Structure formats: C-alpha cells, structure tokens
C-alpha cells in the first residue's frame, strides 16, 4: 500500500474526493438548514491547516475529514435532526451517537482509518467536557481540534431549524471566550488572528438571508 504522502499525490485520491463531495452533499440535502455546511467547514479547516503550516498530506486529510465530519448523522432520525424545539434527553443521547456512527462507517475503508479518528472526536472539548469519549487537550487529534472550531463557527453563523444565525461579532467573541475550554487555545488564536481569511462571509450570505 502507498504511504499517506504518496496516496494524496495520486489520481486515486482525486477520485476519492469527488465521491466524498457527493456523499457530503447527499447528507446536507437531508436538512435544508445545513445545506453546504460540510463544504464550508472543510474549506475553513483547510485554511487553518495551511496557516498552521502543516504537511500537505495532513492538510488534505483534515480537509476530507471535515467534509465527512457529520456523515454519522445519516443514522440519526430526521425527526431529531429537524426538531424545532429543545431535544429531550433520549433524543439528545441519540444525536450524540453520530460521531461513533460516522467513525464506524469510515473504518470500513483502510484508507480512512486516521480520518475516522478525526470524525469520532470532532465534538470533543479541549477541557474534556465533550463527547463521545470525554478526552481532553492533546489527547484529541490535531485534526479533530481544527474541525471542532470550524464546525462551531459555521453553526453559529448560519440559521438552524431551532434558531436564527448569530452575528459575526457574537461568533468571534464566543470563540475568544472559550479558548482553553471548548477550543484548543493555539488553534483558536490562529483563527482569531486570521479571522477575515478563514471566515469569508460571502460563503454565508445565502443562508443568512434565506
């Protein structure tokens, strides 16, 4: 088998990513409120990884993982995903299963083992209060820590079935106030310092006015 570096430079990787984009689009289509969510998170995560000067193969791995971070929601009932009122405990527990479902799906491919770890832990918090495993700090993979903050930004800046989008200023302040709590402080600092490069508001216009 090719090394990770060799594979990401092959046409086979390009073909894989085309399929990944189709899968992500199909998932987003389940919920009109999350249309293009996976693509936006992927774009932001890639920008963060580049700014952090990661190896090209790691940048591409994070990009793919971000595109697929919510693939486990395919196993969550639409009634839960699209519920406009507060989820009850049973529904919330069910929703929290989606990282494990996603990781299980991806582990069926030998190519996606490390990507599955990012998907598994993209809801873990830096302070250990996340899910599904409650791990903290550097025990969470770098890719998962990057995807987590990008996922949060996109969620805040877009409408959901249960609330309207927050302002960009509110989102910025939430990220800043939660460094070292929800988010890796180093990654968060990169995001705040390069906010305009990472969070391109043109990507959010359609959702904000929709």
C-alpha atoms as a PDB file:
ATOM      1  CA  UNK A   1       0.000   0.000   0.000  1.00  0.00           C
ATOM      2  CA  UNK A   2       1.168   3.538  -0.757  1.00  0.00           C
ATOM      3  CA  UNK A   3       2.255   5.778   2.081  1.00  0.00           C
ATOM      4  CA  UNK A   4      -0.159   8.541   3.075  1.00  0.00           C
ATOM      5  CA  UNK A   5       2.036  11.089   1.297  1.00  0.00           C
ATOM      6  CA  UNK A   6       2.124   9.050  -1.933  1.00  0.00           C
ATOM      7  CA  UNK A   7      -1.605   8.420  -1.971  1.00  0.00           C
ATOM      8  CA  UNK A   8      -2.578  12.086  -1.602  1.00  0.00           C
ATOM      9  CA  UNK A   9      -0.487  12.826  -4.696  1.00  0.00           C
ATOM     10  CA  UNK A  10      -2.224  10.233  -6.863  1.00  0.00           C
ATOM     11  CA  UNK A  11      -5.203  10.495  -9.185  1.00  0.00           C
ATOM     12  CA  UNK A  12      -6.884   7.894  -6.998  1.00  0.00           C
ATOM     13  CA  UNK A  13      -7.108  10.484  -4.218  1.00  0.00           C
ATOM     14  CA  UNK A  14      -8.768  12.969  -6.588  1.00  0.00           C
ATOM     15  CA  UNK A  15     -11.343  10.337  -7.496  1.00  0.00           C
ATOM     16  CA  UNK A  16     -11.926   9.524  -3.814  1.00  0.00           C
ATOM     17  CA  UNK A  17     -12.505  13.166  -3.011  1.00  0.00           C
ATOM     18  CA  UNK A  18     -15.042  13.528  -5.817  1.00  0.00           C
ATOM     19  CA  UNK A  19     -17.016  10.688  -4.237  1.00  0.00           C
ATOM     20  CA  UNK A  20     -16.625  12.290  -0.802  1.00  0.00           C
ATOM     21  CA  UNK A  21     -18.096  15.556  -2.027  1.00  0.00           C
ATOM     22  CA  UNK A  22     -21.096  13.662  -3.405  1.00  0.00           C
ATOM     23  CA  UNK A  23     -21.624  11.883  -0.077  1.00  0.00           C
ATOM     24  CA  UNK A  24     -21.344  15.143   1.856  1.00  0.00           C
ATOM     25  CA  UNK A  25     -23.823  16.838  -0.476  1.00  0.00           C
ATOM     26  CA  UNK A  26     -26.274  13.967  -0.043  1.00  0.00           C
ATOM     27  CA  UNK A  27     -26.011  14.292   3.731  1.00  0.00           C
ATOM     28  CA  UNK A  28     -26.501  18.062   3.652  1.00  0.00           C
ATOM     29  CA  UNK A  29     -29.573  17.570   1.466  1.00  0.00           C
ATOM     30  CA  UNK A  30     -31.318  15.818   4.383  1.00  0.00           C
ATOM     31  CA  UNK A  31     -31.615  19.178   6.135  1.00  0.00           C
ATOM     32  CA  UNK A  32     -32.132  22.473   4.270  1.00  0.00           C
ATOM     33  CA  UNK A  33     -30.704  24.329   7.251  1.00  0.00           C
ATOM     34  CA  UNK A  34     -27.330  22.629   6.882  1.00  0.00           C
ATOM     35  CA  UNK A  35     -27.020  22.936   3.094  1.00  0.00           C
ATOM     36  CA  UNK A  36     -23.315  23.249   2.158  1.00  0.00           C
ATOM     37  CA  UNK A  37     -22.330  23.035   5.839  1.00  0.00           C
ATOM     38  CA  UNK A  38     -19.808  20.258   5.218  1.00  0.00           C
ATOM     39  CA  UNK A  39     -18.164  22.129   2.340  1.00  0.00           C
ATOM     40  CA  UNK A  40     -17.830  25.328   4.349  1.00  0.00           C
ATOM     41  CA  UNK A  41     -16.347  23.513   7.342  1.00  0.00           C
ATOM     42  CA  UNK A  42     -13.947  21.714   5.015  1.00  0.00           C
ATOM     43  CA  UNK A  43     -12.842  24.983   3.399  1.00  0.00           C
ATOM     44  CA  UNK A  44     -12.253  26.636   6.779  1.00  0.00           C
ATOM     45  CA  UNK A  45     -10.401  23.635   8.191  1.00  0.00           C
ATOM     46  CA  UNK A  46      -8.133  23.538   5.153  1.00  0.00           C
ATOM     47  CA  UNK A  47      -7.333  27.251   5.578  1.00  0.00           C
ATOM     48  CA  UNK A  48      -6.496  26.760   9.259  1.00  0.00           C
ATOM     49  CA  UNK A  49      -4.263  23.777   8.484  1.00  0.00           C
ATOM     50  CA  UNK A  50      -2.413  25.776   5.808  1.00  0.00           C
ATOM     51  CA  UNK A  51      -1.920  28.743   8.147  1.00  0.00           C
ATOM     52  CA  UNK A  52      -0.514  26.336  10.738  1.00  0.00           C
ATOM     53  CA  UNK A  53       1.993  25.186   8.099  1.00  0.00           C
ATOM     54  CA  UNK A  54       1.048  21.518   8.348  1.00  0.00           C
ATOM     55  CA  UNK A  55       2.330  18.925   5.889  1.00  0.00           C
ATOM     56  CA  UNK A  56       0.362  18.768   2.648  1.00  0.00           C
ATOM     57  CA  UNK A  57      -0.816  15.206   3.304  1.00  0.00           C
ATOM     58  CA  UNK A  58      -2.131  16.269   6.743  1.00  0.00           C
ATOM     59  CA  UNK A  59      -3.894  19.283   5.212  1.00  0.00           C
ATOM     60  CA  UNK A  60      -5.675  17.026   2.728  1.00  0.00           C
ATOM     61  CA  UNK A  61      -6.555  14.515   5.427  1.00  0.00           C
ATOM     62  CA  UNK A  62      -8.134  17.247   7.565  1.00  0.00           C
ATOM     63  CA  UNK A  63      -9.954  18.587   4.519  1.00  0.00           C
ATOM     64  CA  UNK A  64     -11.525  15.185   3.831  1.00  0.00           C
ATOM     65  CA  UNK A  65     -12.372  14.567   7.486  1.00  0.00           C
ATOM     66  CA  UNK A  66     -14.077  17.958   7.699  1.00  0.00           C
ATOM     67  CA  UNK A  67     -16.108  17.131   4.606  1.00  0.00           C
ATOM     68  CA  UNK A  68     -17.255  13.915   6.277  1.00  0.00           C
ATOM     69  CA  UNK A  69     -17.431  15.010   9.910  1.00  0.00           C
ATOM     70  CA  UNK A  70     -21.232  14.670  10.087  1.00  0.00           C
ATOM     71  CA  UNK A  71     -21.587  11.525   7.982  1.00  0.00           C
ATOM     72  CA  UNK A  72     -22.819   9.682  11.088  1.00  0.00           C
ATOM     73  CA  UNK A  73     -25.975  11.794  11.045  1.00  0.00           C
ATOM     74  CA  UNK A  74     -27.177   9.527   8.275  1.00  0.00           C
ATOM     75  CA  UNK A  75     -28.024   7.147  11.137  1.00  0.00           C
ATOM     76  CA  UNK A  76     -29.981   9.753  13.118  1.00  0.00           C
ATOM     77  CA  UNK A  77     -33.755  10.089  12.545  1.00  0.00           C
ATOM     78  CA  UNK A  78     -34.820  13.184  10.602  1.00  0.00           C
ATOM     79  CA  UNK A  79     -37.345  13.942  13.356  1.00  0.00           C
ATOM     80  CA  UNK A  80     -34.417  14.600  15.703  1.00  0.00           C
ATOM     81  CA  UNK A  81     -32.225  16.462  13.208  1.00  0.00           C
ATOM     82  CA  UNK A  82     -35.060  18.788  12.169  1.00  0.00           C
ATOM     83  CA  UNK A  83     -36.791  19.257  15.511  1.00  0.00           C
ATOM     84  CA  UNK A  84     -37.526  22.945  16.150  1.00  0.00           C
ATOM     85  CA  UNK A  85     -37.953  22.647  19.896  1.00  0.00           C
ATOM     86  CA  UNK A  86     -35.455  21.555  22.544  1.00  0.00           C
ATOM     87  CA  UNK A  87     -34.365  17.924  22.375  1.00  0.00           C
ATOM     88  CA  UNK A  88     -35.277  15.717  25.317  1.00  0.00           C
ATOM     89  CA  UNK A  89     -32.618  13.567  26.990  1.00  0.00           C
ATOM     90  CA  UNK A  90     -33.375  10.493  24.891  1.00  0.00           C
ATOM     91  CA  UNK A  91     -33.185  12.489  21.666  1.00  0.00           C
ATOM     92  CA  UNK A  92     -30.001  14.270  22.725  1.00  0.00           C
ATOM     93  CA  UNK A  93     -28.339  10.969  23.642  1.00  0.00           C
ATOM     94  CA  UNK A  94     -29.290   9.615  20.221  1.00  0.00           C
ATOM     95  CA  UNK A  95     -27.861  12.669  18.432  1.00  0.00           C
ATOM     96  CA  UNK A  96     -24.605  12.324  20.347  1.00  0.00           C
ATOM     97  CA  UNK A  97     -24.121   8.907  18.744  1.00  0.00           C
ATOM     98  CA  UNK A  98     -23.395  10.406  15.323  1.00  0.00           C
ATOM     99  CA  UNK A  99     -19.584  10.690  15.759  1.00  0.00           C
ATOM    100  CA  UNK A 100     -19.353   6.969  16.590  1.00  0.00           C
ATOM    101  CA  UNK A 101     -21.666   6.055  13.712  1.00  0.00           C
ATOM    102  CA  UNK A 102     -19.558   8.135  11.334  1.00  0.00           C
ATOM    103  CA  UNK A 103     -16.280   6.634  12.528  1.00  0.00           C
ATOM    104  CA  UNK A 104     -17.692   3.124  12.200  1.00  0.00           C
ATOM    105  CA  UNK A 105     -18.724   3.817   8.604  1.00  0.00           C
ATOM    106  CA  UNK A 106     -15.321   5.218   7.653  1.00  0.00           C
ATOM    107  CA  UNK A 107     -13.349   2.429   9.326  1.00  0.00           C
ATOM    108  CA  UNK A 108     -14.703   0.053   6.729  1.00  0.00           C
ATOM    109  CA  UNK A 109     -12.126   1.619   4.374  1.00  0.00           C
ATOM    110  CA  UNK A 110      -8.442   1.062   5.128  1.00  0.00           C
ATOM    111  CA  UNK A 111      -7.752   4.490   3.593  1.00  0.00           C
ATOM    112  CA  UNK A 112      -9.907   6.277   6.159  1.00  0.00           C
ATOM    113  CA  UNK A 113      -8.553   4.984   9.486  1.00  0.00           C
ATOM    114  CA  UNK A 114      -6.966   8.261  10.613  1.00  0.00           C
ATOM    115  CA  UNK A 115      -9.835  10.246   9.094  1.00  0.00           C
ATOM    116  CA  UNK A 116     -12.272   8.171  11.152  1.00  0.00           C
ATOM    117  CA  UNK A 117     -10.467   9.239  14.341  1.00  0.00           C
ATOM    118  CA  UNK A 118     -10.979  12.900  13.436  1.00  0.00           C
ATOM    119  CA  UNK A 119     -14.668  12.261  12.765  1.00  0.00           C
ATOM    120  CA  UNK A 120     -15.021  10.319  16.020  1.00  0.00           C
ATOM    121  CA  UNK A 121     -13.653  13.170  18.127  1.00  0.00           C
ATOM    122  CA  UNK A 122     -14.840  16.335  16.364  1.00  0.00           C
ATOM    123  CA  UNK A 123     -17.213  17.080  19.278  1.00  0.00           C
ATOM    124  CA  UNK A 124     -14.591  16.618  21.991  1.00  0.00           C
ATOM    125  CA  UNK A 125     -13.836  19.755  24.005  1.00  0.00           C
ATOM    126  CA  UNK A 126     -10.366  20.887  24.999  1.00  0.00           C
ATOM    127  CA  UNK A 127     -11.419  20.794  28.674  1.00  0.00           C
ATOM    128  CA  UNK A 128     -12.672  17.207  28.424  1.00  0.00           C
ATOM    129  CA  UNK A 129     -16.392  18.010  28.644  1.00  0.00           C
ATOM    130  CA  UNK A 130     -17.226  16.944  25.086  1.00  0.00           C
ATOM    131  CA  UNK A 131     -18.361  13.659  23.596  1.00  0.00           C
ATOM    132  CA  UNK A 132     -18.325  10.767  22.863  1.00  0.00           C
ATOM    133  CA  UNK A 133     -15.207   9.838  24.879  1.00  0.00           C
ATOM    134  CA  UNK A 134     -14.669  12.887  27.088  1.00  0.00           C
ATOM    135  CA  UNK A 135     -10.985  13.146  26.192  1.00  0.00           C
ATOM    136  CA  UNK A 136      -9.156  16.455  26.531  1.00  0.00           C
ATOM    137  CA  UNK A 137      -6.233  18.568  25.344  1.00  0.00           C
ATOM    138  CA  UNK A 138      -3.691  16.925  23.098  1.00  0.00           C
ATOM    139  CA  UNK A 139      -5.363  13.536  23.563  1.00  0.00           C
ATOM    140  CA  UNK A 140      -7.743  14.855  20.908  1.00  0.00           C
ATOM    141  CA  UNK A 141      -6.126  14.629  17.478  1.00  0.00           C
ATOM    142  CA  UNK A 142      -4.992  17.898  15.913  1.00  0.00           C
ATOM    143  CA  UNK A 143      -7.377  17.346  13.003  1.00  0.00           C
ATOM    144  CA  UNK A 144     -10.354  16.906  15.329  1.00  0.00           C
ATOM    145  CA  UNK A 145      -9.429  20.064  17.243  1.00  0.00           C
ATOM    146  CA  UNK A 146      -9.336  22.019  13.979  1.00  0.00           C
ATOM    147  CA  UNK A 147     -12.614  20.594  12.682  1.00  0.00           C
ATOM    148  CA  UNK A 148     -14.306  21.262  16.021  1.00  0.00           C
ATOM    149  CA  UNK A 149     -13.681  25.012  15.955  1.00  0.00           C
ATOM    150  CA  UNK A 150     -14.588  25.336  12.260  1.00  0.00           C
ATOM    151  CA  UNK A 151     -17.788  23.347  12.804  1.00  0.00           C
ATOM    152  CA  UNK A 152     -18.738  25.689  15.664  1.00  0.00           C
ATOM    153  CA  UNK A 153     -18.106  28.811  13.594  1.00  0.00           C
ATOM    154  CA  UNK A 154     -20.241  27.605  10.712  1.00  0.00           C
ATOM    155  CA  UNK A 155     -23.030  26.504  13.043  1.00  0.00           C
ATOM    156  CA  UNK A 156     -23.139  29.900  14.746  1.00  0.00           C
ATOM    157  CA  UNK A 157     -23.087  31.896  11.508  1.00  0.00           C
ATOM    158  CA  UNK A 158     -25.965  30.026   9.887  1.00  0.00           C
ATOM    159  CA  UNK A 159     -29.650  29.549  10.535  1.00  0.00           C
ATOM    160  CA  UNK A 160     -30.805  26.335  12.183  1.00  0.00           C
ATOM    161  CA  UNK A 161     -34.331  24.945  12.387  1.00  0.00           C
ATOM    162  CA  UNK A 162     -34.469  25.982  16.058  1.00  0.00           C
ATOM    163  CA  UNK A 163     -32.800  29.449  15.871  1.00  0.00           C
ATOM    164  CA  UNK A 164     -31.573  32.244  13.626  1.00  0.00           C
ATOM    165  CA  UNK A 165     -27.909  32.777  12.771  1.00  0.00           C
ATOM    166  CA  UNK A 166     -25.752  34.714  15.226  1.00  0.00           C
ATOM    167  CA  UNK A 167     -23.794  37.796  14.187  1.00  0.00           C
ATOM    168  CA  UNK A 168     -20.170  37.530  13.149  1.00  0.00           C
ATOM    169  CA  UNK A 169     -19.140  39.648  16.148  1.00  0.00           C
ATOM    170  CA  UNK A 170     -21.008  37.325  18.530  1.00  0.00           C
ATOM    171  CA  UNK A 171     -19.294  34.319  16.955  1.00  0.00           C
ATOM    172  CA  UNK A 172     -15.856  35.931  17.247  1.00  0.00           C
ATOM    173  CA  UNK A 173     -16.414  36.694  20.934  1.00  0.00           C
ATOM    174  CA  UNK A 174     -17.689  33.168  21.644  1.00  0.00           C
ATOM    175  CA  UNK A 175     -14.549  31.654  20.150  1.00  0.00           C
ATOM    176  CA  UNK A 176     -12.308  34.032  22.113  1.00  0.00           C
ATOM    177  CA  UNK A 177     -14.099  33.423  25.415  1.00  0.00           C
ATOM    178  CA  UNK A 178     -13.963  29.647  25.033  1.00  0.00           C
ATOM    179  CA  UNK A 179     -10.258  29.224  24.251  1.00  0.00           C
ATOM    180  CA  UNK A 180      -8.912  26.580  26.589  1.00  0.00           C
ATOM    181  CA  UNK A 181     -12.455  25.445  27.364  1.00  0.00           C
ATOM    182  CA  UNK A 182     -14.140  24.245  24.200  1.00  0.00           C
ATOM    183  CA  UNK A 183     -11.290  25.043  21.839  1.00  0.00           C
ATOM    184  CA  UNK A 184      -7.558  24.467  21.613  1.00  0.00           C
ATOM    185  CA  UNK A 185      -6.089  27.881  22.556  1.00  0.00           C
ATOM    186  CA  UNK A 186      -3.317  27.704  19.948  1.00  0.00           C
ATOM    187  CA  UNK A 187      -5.661  26.826  17.094  1.00  0.00           C
ATOM    188  CA  UNK A 188      -8.161  29.384  18.337  1.00  0.00           C
ATOM    189  CA  UNK A 189      -5.509  32.081  18.304  1.00  0.00           C
ATOM    190  CA  UNK A 190      -4.677  31.260  14.675  1.00  0.00           C
ATOM    191  CA  UNK A 191      -8.363  31.552  13.835  1.00  0.00           C
ATOM    192  CA  UNK A 192      -8.828  34.889  15.619  1.00  0.00           C
ATOM    193  CA  UNK A 193      -5.670  36.405  14.153  1.00  0.00           C
ATOM    194  CA  UNK A 194      -6.650  35.365  10.618  1.00  0.00           C
ATOM    195  CA  UNK A 195     -10.418  35.698  11.024  1.00  0.00           C
ATOM    196  CA  UNK A 196     -11.099  37.502   7.744  1.00  0.00           C
ATOM    197  CA  UNK A 197      -9.064  34.978   5.762  1.00  0.00           C
ATOM    198  CA  UNK A 198     -10.688  31.940   7.370  1.00  0.00           C
ATOM    199  CA  UNK A 199     -14.263  33.153   7.804  1.00  0.00           C
ATOM    200  CA  UNK A 200     -15.206  34.509   4.399  1.00  0.00           C
ATOM    201  CA  UNK A 201     -18.656  35.951   4.984  1.00  0.00           C
ATOM    202  CA  UNK A 202     -19.541  35.648   1.289  1.00  0.00           C
ATOM    203  CA  UNK A 203     -19.885  31.932   1.965  1.00  0.00           C
ATOM    204  CA  UNK A 204     -22.665  32.608   4.469  1.00  0.00           C
ATOM    205  CA  UNK A 205     -24.762  35.204   2.632  1.00  0.00           C
ATOM    206  CA  UNK A 206     -27.305  32.829   1.129  1.00  0.00           C
ATOM    207  CA  UNK A 207     -28.008  31.154   4.452  1.00  0.00           C
ATOM    208  CA  UNK A 208     -28.212  34.392   6.382  1.00  0.00           C
ATOM    209  CA  UNK A 209     -30.817  35.879   4.037  1.00  0.00           C
ATOM    210  CA  UNK A 210     -32.609  32.622   3.292  1.00  0.00           C
END
